[in-house]
Structure formats: structure tokens, C-alpha cells
N, C-alpha and C. Protein backbone atom coordinates (compact mmCIF):
# COMPACT_ATOMS: atom_id res chain seq x y z
N MET A 1 -71.89 193.06 -127.02
CA MET A 1 -72.48 194.37 -126.88
C MET A 1 -71.42 195.33 -126.36
N ASP A 2 -71.33 196.48 -126.96
CA ASP A 2 -70.42 197.52 -126.49
C ASP A 2 -71.10 198.35 -125.43
N CYS A 3 -70.42 198.47 -124.30
CA CYS A 3 -70.95 199.31 -123.21
C CYS A 3 -70.63 200.77 -123.52
N PRO A 4 -71.56 201.67 -123.23
CA PRO A 4 -71.21 203.10 -123.33
C PRO A 4 -70.18 203.42 -122.24
N SER A 5 -69.41 204.45 -122.46
CA SER A 5 -68.32 204.76 -121.53
C SER A 5 -68.82 205.15 -120.14
N ASP A 6 -70.09 205.54 -120.02
CA ASP A 6 -70.62 205.90 -118.70
C ASP A 6 -71.41 204.77 -118.05
N CYS A 7 -71.34 203.57 -118.57
CA CYS A 7 -72.00 202.39 -117.99
C CYS A 7 -71.47 202.18 -116.57
N SER A 8 -72.36 202.02 -115.62
CA SER A 8 -71.94 201.90 -114.22
C SER A 8 -71.05 200.68 -113.98
N TYR A 9 -71.31 199.58 -114.68
CA TYR A 9 -70.48 198.39 -114.52
C TYR A 9 -69.08 198.61 -115.10
N LEU A 10 -69.02 199.29 -116.25
CA LEU A 10 -67.74 199.59 -116.87
C LEU A 10 -66.94 200.56 -116.00
N VAL A 11 -67.59 201.56 -115.45
CA VAL A 11 -66.93 202.53 -114.57
C VAL A 11 -66.38 201.82 -113.34
N ALA A 12 -67.16 200.88 -112.76
CA ALA A 12 -66.70 200.13 -111.59
C ALA A 12 -65.50 199.25 -111.95
N ALA A 13 -65.54 198.64 -113.12
CA ALA A 13 -64.41 197.80 -113.55
C ALA A 13 -63.15 198.64 -113.75
N HIS A 14 -63.30 199.82 -114.33
CA HIS A 14 -62.16 200.71 -114.53
C HIS A 14 -61.61 201.19 -113.20
N ARG A 15 -62.49 201.46 -112.24
CA ARG A 15 -62.04 201.88 -110.91
C ARG A 15 -61.22 200.77 -110.26
N TYR A 16 -61.68 199.53 -110.40
CA TYR A 16 -60.95 198.39 -109.86
C TYR A 16 -59.57 198.26 -110.51
N GLU A 17 -59.52 198.41 -111.84
CA GLU A 17 -58.24 198.34 -112.55
C GLU A 17 -57.29 199.44 -112.10
N ASP A 18 -57.82 200.64 -111.86
CA ASP A 18 -56.98 201.75 -111.42
C ASP A 18 -56.37 201.51 -110.05
N GLU A 19 -57.08 200.78 -109.21
CA GLU A 19 -56.57 200.48 -107.87
C GLU A 19 -55.43 199.46 -107.91
N HIS A 20 -55.34 198.70 -108.97
CA HIS A 20 -54.31 197.68 -109.12
C HIS A 20 -53.37 198.11 -110.24
N GLN A 21 -52.31 198.79 -109.85
CA GLN A 21 -51.37 199.38 -110.81
C GLN A 21 -50.74 198.32 -111.72
N ARG A 22 -50.63 198.69 -112.97
CA ARG A 22 -49.96 197.84 -113.95
C ARG A 22 -48.54 198.34 -114.15
N SER A 23 -47.67 197.44 -114.48
CA SER A 23 -46.31 197.85 -114.84
C SER A 23 -46.07 197.42 -116.29
N LEU A 24 -45.18 198.13 -116.94
CA LEU A 24 -44.89 197.82 -118.33
C LEU A 24 -43.85 196.70 -118.39
N PRO A 25 -44.05 195.72 -119.26
CA PRO A 25 -43.06 194.65 -119.40
C PRO A 25 -41.72 195.21 -119.88
N ALA A 26 -40.65 194.51 -119.55
CA ALA A 26 -39.30 194.97 -119.90
C ALA A 26 -39.08 195.04 -121.41
N ASP A 27 -39.81 194.24 -122.18
CA ASP A 27 -39.62 194.22 -123.63
C ASP A 27 -40.53 195.22 -124.37
N THR A 28 -41.13 196.14 -123.65
CA THR A 28 -42.00 197.15 -124.25
C THR A 28 -41.19 198.04 -125.19
N PRO A 29 -41.68 198.24 -126.43
CA PRO A 29 -40.96 199.13 -127.35
C PRO A 29 -40.83 200.54 -126.79
N LEU A 30 -39.72 201.18 -127.09
CA LEU A 30 -39.42 202.56 -126.73
C LEU A 30 -39.25 202.78 -125.22
N LEU A 31 -39.16 201.71 -124.44
CA LEU A 31 -39.00 201.83 -123.00
C LEU A 31 -37.59 202.27 -122.62
N GLU A 32 -36.63 201.97 -123.45
CA GLU A 32 -35.23 202.30 -123.15
C GLU A 32 -34.89 203.77 -123.43
N GLU A 33 -35.80 204.48 -124.07
CA GLU A 33 -35.56 205.89 -124.41
C GLU A 33 -35.68 206.77 -123.17
N ASN A 34 -34.72 207.66 -122.98
CA ASN A 34 -34.75 208.62 -121.86
C ASN A 34 -35.31 209.94 -122.37
N ILE A 35 -36.46 210.31 -121.83
CA ILE A 35 -37.11 211.55 -122.24
C ILE A 35 -36.57 212.68 -121.37
N PRO A 36 -36.10 213.77 -121.98
CA PRO A 36 -35.66 214.92 -121.17
C PRO A 36 -36.79 215.41 -120.27
N GLN A 37 -36.46 215.79 -119.06
CA GLN A 37 -37.48 216.16 -118.07
C GLN A 37 -38.33 217.35 -118.49
N ASP A 38 -37.74 218.29 -119.21
CA ASP A 38 -38.48 219.52 -119.53
C ASP A 38 -39.21 219.47 -120.87
N ILE A 39 -39.13 218.38 -121.61
CA ILE A 39 -39.68 218.34 -122.97
C ILE A 39 -41.20 218.54 -122.98
N VAL A 40 -41.91 217.92 -122.06
CA VAL A 40 -43.37 218.06 -122.04
C VAL A 40 -43.76 219.47 -121.60
N TYR A 41 -43.04 220.00 -120.62
CA TYR A 41 -43.32 221.36 -120.15
C TYR A 41 -43.03 222.38 -121.25
N THR A 42 -41.91 222.21 -121.94
CA THR A 42 -41.51 223.14 -122.99
C THR A 42 -42.50 223.14 -124.16
N HIS A 43 -43.04 221.97 -124.46
CA HIS A 43 -43.95 221.83 -125.61
C HIS A 43 -45.36 221.47 -125.15
N GLN A 44 -45.80 222.12 -124.10
CA GLN A 44 -47.11 221.84 -123.51
C GLN A 44 -48.25 222.04 -124.50
N GLN A 45 -48.23 223.13 -125.25
CA GLN A 45 -49.30 223.40 -126.21
C GLN A 45 -49.30 222.38 -127.35
N LEU A 46 -48.12 222.02 -127.82
CA LEU A 46 -48.05 221.03 -128.88
C LEU A 46 -48.55 219.68 -128.39
N MET A 47 -48.17 219.30 -127.17
CA MET A 47 -48.64 218.03 -126.60
C MET A 47 -50.16 218.02 -126.51
N ALA A 48 -50.74 219.12 -126.06
CA ALA A 48 -52.20 219.21 -125.98
C ALA A 48 -52.82 219.14 -127.38
N ALA A 49 -52.20 219.78 -128.35
CA ALA A 49 -52.71 219.75 -129.72
C ALA A 49 -52.65 218.34 -130.30
N LEU A 50 -51.58 217.62 -130.03
CA LEU A 50 -51.47 216.24 -130.51
C LEU A 50 -52.53 215.36 -129.86
N ALA A 51 -52.70 215.50 -128.55
CA ALA A 51 -53.70 214.72 -127.83
C ALA A 51 -55.10 215.04 -128.35
N PHE A 52 -55.37 216.32 -128.59
CA PHE A 52 -56.67 216.72 -129.11
C PHE A 52 -56.90 216.15 -130.50
N SER A 53 -55.86 216.17 -131.34
CA SER A 53 -55.99 215.62 -132.70
C SER A 53 -56.32 214.14 -132.66
N ILE A 54 -55.69 213.41 -131.75
CA ILE A 54 -55.97 211.97 -131.62
C ILE A 54 -57.41 211.78 -131.15
N ALA A 55 -57.81 212.53 -130.13
CA ALA A 55 -59.18 212.40 -129.60
C ALA A 55 -60.22 212.76 -130.66
N LYS A 56 -59.94 213.80 -131.44
CA LYS A 56 -60.86 214.22 -132.49
C LYS A 56 -60.98 213.15 -133.58
N PHE A 57 -59.86 212.57 -133.96
CA PHE A 57 -59.86 211.49 -134.95
C PHE A 57 -60.72 210.32 -134.44
N CYS A 58 -60.52 209.96 -133.18
CA CYS A 58 -61.25 208.82 -132.60
C CYS A 58 -62.73 209.11 -132.40
N ALA A 59 -63.08 210.38 -132.24
CA ALA A 59 -64.49 210.75 -132.07
C ALA A 59 -65.29 210.48 -133.34
N VAL A 60 -64.66 210.60 -134.50
CA VAL A 60 -65.36 210.34 -135.76
C VAL A 60 -65.14 208.91 -136.26
N GLN A 61 -64.31 208.17 -135.54
CA GLN A 61 -64.05 206.76 -135.87
C GLN A 61 -64.50 205.90 -134.68
N PRO A 62 -65.78 205.57 -134.58
CA PRO A 62 -66.27 204.84 -133.41
C PRO A 62 -65.65 203.45 -133.23
N THR A 63 -65.05 202.90 -134.28
CA THR A 63 -64.43 201.58 -134.15
C THR A 63 -62.99 201.65 -133.64
N ALA A 64 -62.46 202.86 -133.49
CA ALA A 64 -61.07 203.01 -133.03
C ALA A 64 -60.95 202.53 -131.59
N VAL A 65 -59.89 201.79 -131.33
CA VAL A 65 -59.59 201.31 -129.98
C VAL A 65 -58.18 201.74 -129.61
N ASP A 66 -57.84 201.55 -128.35
CA ASP A 66 -56.53 201.97 -127.85
C ASP A 66 -55.38 201.38 -128.64
N THR A 67 -55.49 200.11 -129.02
CA THR A 67 -54.38 199.49 -129.76
C THR A 67 -54.15 200.17 -131.10
N ASP A 68 -55.22 200.64 -131.75
CA ASP A 68 -55.06 201.38 -133.01
C ASP A 68 -54.25 202.65 -132.78
N VAL A 69 -54.60 203.37 -131.72
CA VAL A 69 -53.90 204.62 -131.40
C VAL A 69 -52.45 204.34 -131.04
N LEU A 70 -52.21 203.32 -130.24
CA LEU A 70 -50.84 203.00 -129.81
C LEU A 70 -49.96 202.55 -130.97
N VAL A 71 -50.54 201.81 -131.89
CA VAL A 71 -49.79 201.37 -133.08
C VAL A 71 -49.38 202.59 -133.91
N ALA A 72 -50.31 203.52 -134.09
CA ALA A 72 -50.01 204.73 -134.87
C ALA A 72 -48.94 205.58 -134.17
N ILE A 73 -49.07 205.75 -132.86
CA ILE A 73 -48.10 206.56 -132.11
C ILE A 73 -46.72 205.91 -132.13
N GLN A 74 -46.67 204.60 -131.98
CA GLN A 74 -45.38 203.90 -132.02
C GLN A 74 -44.73 204.06 -133.39
N ALA A 75 -45.51 203.96 -134.45
CA ALA A 75 -44.97 204.14 -135.80
C ALA A 75 -44.46 205.57 -135.99
N LEU A 76 -45.18 206.55 -135.45
CA LEU A 76 -44.73 207.94 -135.53
C LEU A 76 -43.43 208.14 -134.76
N ALA A 77 -43.33 207.54 -133.59
CA ALA A 77 -42.10 207.65 -132.81
C ALA A 77 -40.92 207.07 -133.59
N GLN A 78 -41.12 205.92 -134.20
CA GLN A 78 -40.03 205.30 -134.98
C GLN A 78 -39.67 206.18 -136.18
N THR A 79 -40.66 206.75 -136.82
CA THR A 79 -40.41 207.63 -137.97
C THR A 79 -39.58 208.84 -137.55
N TYR A 80 -39.96 209.48 -136.44
CA TYR A 80 -39.24 210.69 -136.01
C TYR A 80 -37.88 210.37 -135.42
N LYS A 81 -37.72 209.18 -134.89
CA LYS A 81 -36.38 208.76 -134.43
C LYS A 81 -35.45 208.64 -135.63
N THR A 82 -35.96 208.04 -136.69
CA THR A 82 -35.17 207.89 -137.91
C THR A 82 -34.89 209.25 -138.55
N LEU A 83 -35.91 210.10 -138.59
CA LEU A 83 -35.74 211.44 -139.16
C LEU A 83 -34.69 212.26 -138.41
N SER A 84 -34.64 212.12 -137.10
CA SER A 84 -33.68 212.89 -136.30
C SER A 84 -32.24 212.45 -136.58
N SER A 85 -32.07 211.24 -137.10
CA SER A 85 -30.72 210.79 -137.45
C SER A 85 -30.33 211.21 -138.86
N GLY A 86 -31.26 211.87 -139.57
CA GLY A 86 -30.95 212.37 -140.91
C GLY A 86 -31.41 211.46 -142.03
N ILE A 87 -32.01 210.34 -141.69
CA ILE A 87 -32.49 209.39 -142.70
C ILE A 87 -34.00 209.57 -142.84
N ILE A 88 -34.46 209.68 -144.07
CA ILE A 88 -35.89 209.82 -144.31
C ILE A 88 -36.42 208.43 -144.65
N TYR A 89 -37.13 207.84 -143.68
CA TYR A 89 -37.71 206.51 -143.85
C TYR A 89 -38.99 206.46 -143.04
N GLU A 90 -40.08 206.21 -143.73
CA GLU A 90 -41.38 206.13 -143.07
C GLU A 90 -41.91 204.71 -143.18
N LYS A 91 -42.45 204.20 -142.10
CA LYS A 91 -43.11 202.89 -142.12
C LYS A 91 -44.45 203.03 -141.43
N PRO A 92 -45.48 203.50 -142.18
CA PRO A 92 -46.81 203.62 -141.57
C PRO A 92 -47.35 202.24 -141.19
N PRO A 93 -48.26 202.19 -140.25
CA PRO A 93 -48.86 200.91 -139.85
C PRO A 93 -49.57 200.24 -141.02
N ASP A 94 -49.69 198.92 -140.95
CA ASP A 94 -50.34 198.17 -142.01
C ASP A 94 -51.86 198.22 -141.92
N ALA A 95 -52.38 198.19 -140.72
CA ALA A 95 -53.84 198.20 -140.53
C ALA A 95 -54.42 199.55 -140.97
N PRO A 96 -55.60 199.54 -141.58
CA PRO A 96 -56.17 200.77 -142.13
C PRO A 96 -56.40 201.90 -141.13
N LEU A 97 -57.02 201.60 -139.99
CA LEU A 97 -57.34 202.66 -139.04
C LEU A 97 -56.09 203.33 -138.45
N PRO A 98 -55.12 202.54 -137.96
CA PRO A 98 -53.89 203.20 -137.48
C PRO A 98 -53.16 203.96 -138.59
N ARG A 99 -53.23 203.46 -139.82
CA ARG A 99 -52.59 204.16 -140.95
C ARG A 99 -53.25 205.50 -141.20
N GLU A 100 -54.60 205.55 -141.09
CA GLU A 100 -55.32 206.82 -141.26
C GLU A 100 -54.94 207.81 -140.17
N LEU A 101 -54.86 207.34 -138.92
CA LEU A 101 -54.48 208.22 -137.82
C LEU A 101 -53.05 208.71 -138.01
N TYR A 102 -52.17 207.81 -138.40
CA TYR A 102 -50.77 208.16 -138.68
C TYR A 102 -50.71 209.27 -139.72
N ALA A 103 -51.43 209.10 -140.82
CA ALA A 103 -51.43 210.10 -141.90
C ALA A 103 -52.01 211.43 -141.42
N ALA A 104 -53.08 211.37 -140.63
CA ALA A 104 -53.69 212.60 -140.12
C ALA A 104 -52.72 213.35 -139.21
N LEU A 105 -51.98 212.64 -138.38
CA LEU A 105 -51.04 213.28 -137.47
C LEU A 105 -49.82 213.82 -138.20
N ILE A 106 -49.36 213.11 -139.22
CA ILE A 106 -48.26 213.61 -140.06
C ILE A 106 -48.68 214.91 -140.74
N ALA A 107 -49.91 214.93 -141.27
CA ALA A 107 -50.42 216.15 -141.93
C ALA A 107 -50.52 217.29 -140.92
N PHE A 108 -50.95 217.01 -139.71
CA PHE A 108 -51.07 218.02 -138.67
C PHE A 108 -49.70 218.61 -138.33
N ILE A 109 -48.71 217.76 -138.16
CA ILE A 109 -47.36 218.23 -137.83
C ILE A 109 -46.76 219.01 -138.99
N THR A 110 -47.00 218.56 -140.21
CA THR A 110 -46.51 219.27 -141.40
C THR A 110 -47.09 220.68 -141.44
N GLU A 111 -48.36 220.81 -141.10
CA GLU A 111 -49.02 222.12 -141.08
C GLU A 111 -48.41 223.01 -140.00
N ILE A 112 -48.14 222.44 -138.84
CA ILE A 112 -47.51 223.21 -137.75
C ILE A 112 -46.12 223.70 -138.17
N LYS A 113 -45.35 222.82 -138.78
CA LYS A 113 -44.01 223.21 -139.23
C LYS A 113 -44.09 224.29 -140.31
N LYS A 114 -45.07 224.19 -141.18
CA LYS A 114 -45.26 225.20 -142.23
C LYS A 114 -45.59 226.55 -141.61
N GLN A 115 -46.48 226.56 -140.62
CA GLN A 115 -46.85 227.81 -139.94
C GLN A 115 -45.65 228.41 -139.22
N GLN A 116 -44.82 227.57 -138.61
CA GLN A 116 -43.62 228.06 -137.93
C GLN A 116 -42.65 228.68 -138.91
N ALA A 117 -42.52 228.08 -140.09
CA ALA A 117 -41.61 228.59 -141.10
C ALA A 117 -42.06 229.95 -141.63
N GLU A 118 -43.38 230.15 -141.68
CA GLU A 118 -43.92 231.42 -142.17
C GLU A 118 -43.73 232.56 -141.18
N ARG A 119 -43.69 232.22 -139.89
CA ARG A 119 -43.50 233.24 -138.86
C ARG A 119 -42.02 233.48 -138.65
N ALA A 120 -41.61 234.71 -138.84
CA ALA A 120 -40.20 235.05 -138.65
C ALA A 120 -39.88 235.03 -137.16
N GLY A 121 -38.73 234.48 -136.82
CA GLY A 121 -38.28 234.45 -135.43
C GLY A 121 -38.92 233.35 -134.61
N SER A 122 -39.73 232.52 -135.21
CA SER A 122 -40.38 231.42 -134.49
C SER A 122 -39.39 230.26 -134.35
N ALA A 123 -39.41 229.63 -133.20
CA ALA A 123 -38.54 228.47 -132.97
C ALA A 123 -38.97 227.32 -133.87
N VAL A 124 -38.01 226.66 -134.46
CA VAL A 124 -38.29 225.55 -135.35
C VAL A 124 -38.41 224.27 -134.53
N LEU A 125 -39.44 223.50 -134.79
CA LEU A 125 -39.68 222.25 -134.09
C LEU A 125 -38.72 221.19 -134.63
N LYS A 126 -37.95 220.61 -133.75
CA LYS A 126 -36.97 219.59 -134.14
C LYS A 126 -37.60 218.21 -134.13
N ASP A 127 -37.12 217.35 -135.03
CA ASP A 127 -37.63 215.99 -135.12
C ASP A 127 -37.40 215.21 -133.84
N MET A 128 -36.27 215.45 -133.17
CA MET A 128 -35.98 214.73 -131.94
C MET A 128 -36.95 215.13 -130.83
N GLU A 129 -37.36 216.40 -130.81
CA GLU A 129 -38.35 216.85 -129.83
C GLU A 129 -39.69 216.14 -130.08
N LEU A 130 -40.07 216.03 -131.34
CA LEU A 130 -41.29 215.32 -131.68
C LEU A 130 -41.19 213.85 -131.29
N PHE A 131 -40.02 213.26 -131.51
CA PHE A 131 -39.80 211.87 -131.12
C PHE A 131 -40.08 211.70 -129.63
N TYR A 132 -39.52 212.58 -128.80
CA TYR A 132 -39.73 212.48 -127.36
C TYR A 132 -41.19 212.66 -126.98
N LEU A 133 -41.89 213.55 -127.66
CA LEU A 133 -43.32 213.74 -127.38
C LEU A 133 -44.12 212.49 -127.74
N TRP A 134 -43.77 211.87 -128.86
CA TRP A 134 -44.46 210.62 -129.25
C TRP A 134 -44.18 209.51 -128.24
N VAL A 135 -42.93 209.42 -127.79
CA VAL A 135 -42.60 208.39 -126.79
C VAL A 135 -43.39 208.63 -125.51
N PHE A 136 -43.48 209.89 -125.09
CA PHE A 136 -44.25 210.23 -123.89
C PHE A 136 -45.72 209.82 -124.06
N LEU A 137 -46.33 210.18 -125.19
CA LEU A 137 -47.72 209.82 -125.45
C LEU A 137 -47.91 208.31 -125.51
N TYR A 138 -46.94 207.62 -126.09
CA TYR A 138 -47.00 206.16 -126.20
C TYR A 138 -47.00 205.53 -124.81
N ARG A 139 -46.10 205.97 -123.96
CA ARG A 139 -46.03 205.43 -122.59
C ARG A 139 -47.30 205.77 -121.81
N MET A 140 -47.78 206.98 -121.97
CA MET A 140 -49.01 207.37 -121.29
C MET A 140 -50.16 206.47 -121.75
N GLY A 141 -50.20 206.20 -123.04
CA GLY A 141 -51.25 205.33 -123.56
C GLY A 141 -51.15 203.92 -123.03
N LEU A 142 -49.93 203.41 -122.93
CA LEU A 142 -49.74 202.06 -122.39
C LEU A 142 -50.19 201.97 -120.94
N LEU A 143 -49.96 203.03 -120.19
CA LEU A 143 -50.35 203.03 -118.78
C LEU A 143 -51.84 203.30 -118.59
N ARG A 144 -52.47 203.95 -119.54
CA ARG A 144 -53.90 204.28 -119.42
C ARG A 144 -54.80 203.17 -119.94
N THR A 145 -54.34 202.39 -120.90
CA THR A 145 -55.18 201.33 -121.44
C THR A 145 -55.12 200.12 -120.50
N ASN A 146 -56.08 199.23 -120.64
CA ASN A 146 -56.04 198.04 -119.80
C ASN A 146 -55.53 196.82 -120.56
N GLY A 147 -55.14 197.01 -121.81
CA GLY A 147 -54.55 195.93 -122.58
C GLY A 147 -55.54 195.01 -123.25
N ARG A 148 -56.79 195.23 -123.05
CA ARG A 148 -57.79 194.37 -123.70
C ARG A 148 -57.97 194.80 -125.15
N PRO A 149 -58.35 193.87 -126.02
CA PRO A 149 -58.44 194.19 -127.45
C PRO A 149 -59.36 195.34 -127.82
N ARG A 150 -60.49 195.48 -127.11
CA ARG A 150 -61.43 196.55 -127.48
C ARG A 150 -61.42 197.71 -126.48
N SER A 151 -60.36 197.82 -125.73
CA SER A 151 -60.26 198.89 -124.73
C SER A 151 -60.23 200.26 -125.39
N ARG A 152 -60.92 201.21 -124.77
CA ARG A 152 -60.93 202.60 -125.23
C ARG A 152 -60.59 203.54 -124.08
N ARG A 153 -59.93 203.01 -123.05
CA ARG A 153 -59.63 203.81 -121.87
C ARG A 153 -58.69 204.98 -122.18
N PHE A 154 -57.67 204.75 -122.98
CA PHE A 154 -56.75 205.83 -123.34
C PHE A 154 -57.47 206.88 -124.17
N ILE A 155 -58.29 206.44 -125.10
CA ILE A 155 -59.05 207.38 -125.93
C ILE A 155 -59.99 208.20 -125.06
N GLU A 156 -60.67 207.55 -124.12
CA GLU A 156 -61.56 208.26 -123.21
C GLU A 156 -60.79 209.22 -122.31
N PHE A 157 -59.59 208.83 -121.91
CA PHE A 157 -58.75 209.73 -121.12
C PHE A 157 -58.42 210.99 -121.92
N LEU A 158 -58.01 210.81 -123.17
CA LEU A 158 -57.69 211.97 -124.01
C LEU A 158 -58.93 212.85 -124.19
N ARG A 159 -60.05 212.22 -124.41
CA ARG A 159 -61.31 212.95 -124.58
C ARG A 159 -61.65 213.77 -123.34
N SER A 160 -61.40 213.19 -122.16
CA SER A 160 -61.74 213.87 -120.91
C SER A 160 -60.87 215.09 -120.64
N GLN A 161 -59.75 215.21 -121.34
CA GLN A 161 -58.88 216.36 -121.15
C GLN A 161 -59.42 217.62 -121.81
N PHE A 162 -60.43 217.44 -122.67
CA PHE A 162 -61.02 218.57 -123.42
C PHE A 162 -62.54 218.53 -123.28
N PRO A 163 -63.06 218.73 -122.06
CA PRO A 163 -64.51 218.55 -121.83
C PRO A 163 -65.38 219.57 -122.56
N GLN A 164 -64.85 220.72 -122.91
CA GLN A 164 -65.66 221.76 -123.55
C GLN A 164 -65.65 221.69 -125.07
N ALA A 165 -64.84 220.80 -125.64
CA ALA A 165 -64.70 220.75 -127.10
C ALA A 165 -65.94 220.14 -127.74
N PRO A 166 -66.62 220.91 -128.61
CA PRO A 166 -67.82 220.37 -129.26
C PRO A 166 -67.52 219.20 -130.20
N GLU A 167 -66.29 219.14 -130.74
CA GLU A 167 -65.92 218.05 -131.65
C GLU A 167 -65.85 216.71 -130.93
N LEU A 168 -65.69 216.74 -129.62
CA LEU A 168 -65.51 215.51 -128.85
C LEU A 168 -66.73 215.10 -128.05
N LYS A 169 -67.86 215.78 -128.28
CA LYS A 169 -69.07 215.45 -127.53
C LYS A 169 -69.48 214.01 -127.82
N ARG A 170 -69.90 213.33 -126.78
CA ARG A 170 -70.31 211.93 -126.91
C ARG A 170 -71.73 211.84 -127.47
N GLU A 171 -71.93 210.76 -128.18
CA GLU A 171 -73.26 210.46 -128.67
C GLU A 171 -74.10 210.04 -127.46
N GLU A 172 -75.34 210.44 -127.45
CA GLU A 172 -76.22 210.07 -126.34
C GLU A 172 -76.39 208.55 -126.32
N SER A 173 -76.46 208.01 -125.13
CA SER A 173 -76.62 206.58 -124.94
C SER A 173 -77.94 206.10 -125.54
N ARG A 174 -77.92 204.95 -126.18
CA ARG A 174 -79.12 204.39 -126.78
C ARG A 174 -79.80 203.41 -125.83
N ILE A 175 -79.25 203.28 -124.64
CA ILE A 175 -79.86 202.40 -123.65
C ILE A 175 -81.00 203.15 -122.99
N ILE A 176 -82.14 202.55 -122.97
CA ILE A 176 -83.33 203.18 -122.39
C ILE A 176 -83.37 202.84 -120.92
N VAL A 177 -83.39 203.88 -120.09
CA VAL A 177 -83.44 203.71 -118.65
C VAL A 177 -84.82 204.09 -118.18
N PRO A 178 -85.51 203.18 -117.43
CA PRO A 178 -86.88 203.49 -116.98
C PRO A 178 -86.90 204.60 -115.94
């Protein structure tokens, strides 16, 4: 049985997990990358837009779990790392759901770049900057999830960042409370 995200037992379990900090293993992908300190601040709106796009995708895909999101983000980071070196090579995830998210995010970024190109004097988004943003999101996701196969903690975290968004409203619980 899947617990709704506001289940009191699930909330208590998450609170317990938060009190016991996790560390990332040394062999974690993209851990060796040094993110410039100002990259998130400089691209704050883009970071929020990427997070919102992921949350929106997951809102219409109830089977999406944190591992699906992390696989897609890791693939995007690898793609943009390769693109920044001048080589065009894409390796979307094999699983269907992460592949759909990957494609949706690529389309979103393509649209942003197109809009920037149409505006005269607009700063052009560099592939290396996108790479750093993906690495940041990937690490944030690793620290927010609990590592369990059906965990949705990272997705719920992203959702909670946009409480007023009608696209992210939760379905009412089907559990009947007396």
C-alpha cells in the first residue's frame, strides 16, 4: 500500500531520517565536480524553473519515484558535460519514465535557449553552466531522498517549493478518517 505524503507515520519516519544525516558514498557519480559558488545564485530563476518542471512532470506521473528523477538528472548532467567539451553525444536513460523526463527537460531547455536567442542583448546560456546546475540538482536529490526504491522525498521536496502552483496540487487522500 502506498502511503499518502501526509500520512502521520510516514511524516514521523521522515522526521527520524532527517535527524540522522546521511553522507554520500565516495563512489557517487559527479561527486568530484567542483561547482562554482555563484552558479546557483546567478541562475536562480533557471534553477527554480528546472525544479518546477521536474515537479510538474512528476505530478502527472504518479508512478515517478526519486530514482527516476535522479537517473534523468544524471543523464542530463553527463550530456551537458559532453556538450561543453564540444562533442554532441546524448545518452538518454533506458527506462521509459526517466527517458520521458529527460526528453521533457531537454525540450524545456531548448525553448529557453530559443527565447534567449530571439531577445537581443540577452545573455546566452552556456552548456557548462547547465552542467553545474544539473550537478547541483543531482546532489540535492541524493541528499533529499532516503535511498529506498519507492521513495518520493525529493519529489515532495521540489513540490513543496511551489505551494501556490495549481499544477502541483495533491490529489485528496482516499483514506477515510472517522
